[in-house]
Amino acid sequence: MGNSIFVRCSIEAGAFSGERVIGVRLVESGKYLGVAPIDYCYTREGQQLATTTIREKTDNGKLAARLVRDVGDSALIYMPDGETIEVPAEEVEERK
């Protein structure tokens, strides 16, 4: 898998038009909540979100991120907000 990946996430409107609040399932119980620029947010089909696309919370999105390390059943990824988190491997796909 290359460095550029998508991670499945929930997406909802942020405080500003150019940002979205994202939620990503973690390896250990729970969910990571963060903020990402809209340029990093995509539909599950791979279409980049427009600034008016998300009005309500959706679980059908994905976020562009960077793969730091593949750990087998999990992946260590670098998020757009600068955080590094560990997610289940099935939540990650290569970005083409």
Protein backbone atom coordinates (compact mmCIF):
# COMPACT_ATOMS: atom_id res chain seq x y z
CA MET A 1 0.00 0.00 0.00
CA GLY A 2 1.28 3.46 -0.87
CA ASN A 3 1.64 6.46 1.42
CA SER A 4 -1.51 8.19 0.24
CA ILE A 5 -4.62 6.49 1.65
CA PHE A 6 -8.28 6.96 2.42
CA VAL A 7 -9.73 6.12 5.84
CA ARG A 8 -13.47 5.58 6.31
CA CYS A 9 -15.08 8.16 8.55
CA SER A 10 -18.21 9.96 9.59
CA ILE A 11 -18.42 13.53 8.36
CA GLU A 12 -20.47 16.47 9.57
CA ALA A 13 -20.45 20.21 9.04
CA GLY A 14 -17.80 22.16 10.94
CA ALA A 15 -17.85 25.63 12.42
CA PHE A 16 -16.57 27.12 9.16
CA SER A 17 -17.59 26.40 5.55
CA GLY A 18 -14.13 25.12 4.64
CA GLU A 19 -13.88 22.48 7.38
CA ARG A 20 -15.63 19.30 8.44
CA VAL A 21 -15.77 17.41 11.74
CA ILE A 22 -14.68 13.83 11.16
CA GLY A 23 -14.96 10.67 13.25
CA VAL A 24 -12.68 7.68 12.67
CA ARG A 25 -12.99 4.27 14.35
CA LEU A 26 -9.92 3.44 16.43
CA VAL A 27 -8.27 0.04 17.02
CA GLU A 28 -8.94 0.31 20.70
CA SER A 29 -12.53 1.07 21.61
CA GLY A 30 -13.78 4.46 20.69
CA LYS A 31 -13.69 6.98 17.92
CA TYR A 32 -11.24 9.74 17.08
CA LEU A 33 -12.94 13.09 16.52
CA GLY A 34 -11.10 15.84 14.71
CA VAL A 35 -11.41 18.64 12.19
CA ALA A 36 -10.25 18.42 8.58
CA PRO A 37 -10.17 20.86 5.67
CA ILE A 38 -12.93 20.07 3.18
CA ASP A 39 -10.27 19.35 0.52
CA TYR A 40 -9.45 16.13 2.41
CA CYS A 41 -13.09 14.91 2.60
CA TYR A 42 -14.64 12.54 0.05
CA THR A 43 -17.79 10.51 -0.47
CA ARG A 44 -17.47 6.71 -0.20
CA GLU A 45 -17.46 6.68 -4.01
CA GLY A 46 -14.36 8.90 -4.10
CA GLN A 47 -15.96 12.21 -5.08
CA GLN A 48 -14.48 15.23 -3.34
CA LEU A 49 -17.05 17.03 -1.18
CA ALA A 50 -18.23 20.47 -2.16
CA THR A 51 -18.59 23.13 0.53
CA THR A 52 -22.37 22.71 0.53
CA THR A 53 -22.52 18.89 0.42
CA ILE A 54 -22.71 18.02 4.14
CA ARG A 55 -25.53 19.55 6.14
CA GLU A 56 -26.09 16.65 8.52
CA LYS A 57 -23.89 13.93 9.96
CA THR A 58 -23.13 11.05 7.62
CA ASP A 59 -21.24 7.78 8.14
CA ASN A 60 -20.64 7.44 4.44
CA GLY A 61 -17.44 9.33 3.87
CA LYS A 62 -13.73 8.92 3.69
CA LEU A 63 -10.79 11.12 4.48
CA ALA A 64 -7.49 11.53 2.65
CA ALA A 65 -4.61 10.74 5.03
CA ARG A 66 -1.05 9.35 5.04
CA LEU A 67 -0.04 5.83 5.97
CA VAL A 68 2.78 5.90 8.54
CA ARG A 69 3.03 2.14 9.11
CA ASP A 70 1.06 -0.97 8.23
CA VAL A 71 0.87 -3.07 11.42
CA GLY A 72 -0.98 -6.08 9.95
CA ASP A 73 -4.47 -5.98 11.47
CA SER A 74 -4.16 -2.22 11.98
CA ALA A 75 -2.60 0.84 10.39
CA LEU A 76 -0.89 3.85 11.91
CA ILE A 77 -2.05 6.91 9.96
CA TYR A 78 -1.21 10.62 9.93
CA MET A 79 -4.34 12.77 9.93
CA PRO A 80 -4.74 16.18 8.22
CA ASP A 81 -4.90 17.87 11.65
CA GLY A 82 -1.41 16.56 12.55
CA GLU A 83 -2.49 13.68 14.82
CA THR A 84 -1.26 10.12 14.36
CA ILE A 85 -3.83 7.43 15.16
CA GLU A 86 -4.12 3.64 14.89
CA VAL A 87 -7.14 2.32 13.01
CA PRO A 88 -8.34 -1.17 11.98
CA ALA A 89 -6.80 -2.19 8.64
CA GLU A 90 -10.24 -2.72 7.06
CA GLU A 91 -10.97 1.01 7.50
CA VAL A 92 -8.07 1.94 5.16
CA GLU A 93 -7.82 1.81 1.37
CA GLU A 94 -5.14 2.92 -1.06
CA ARG A 95 -5.77 6.29 -2.66
CA LYS A 96 -5.35 6.14 -6.44
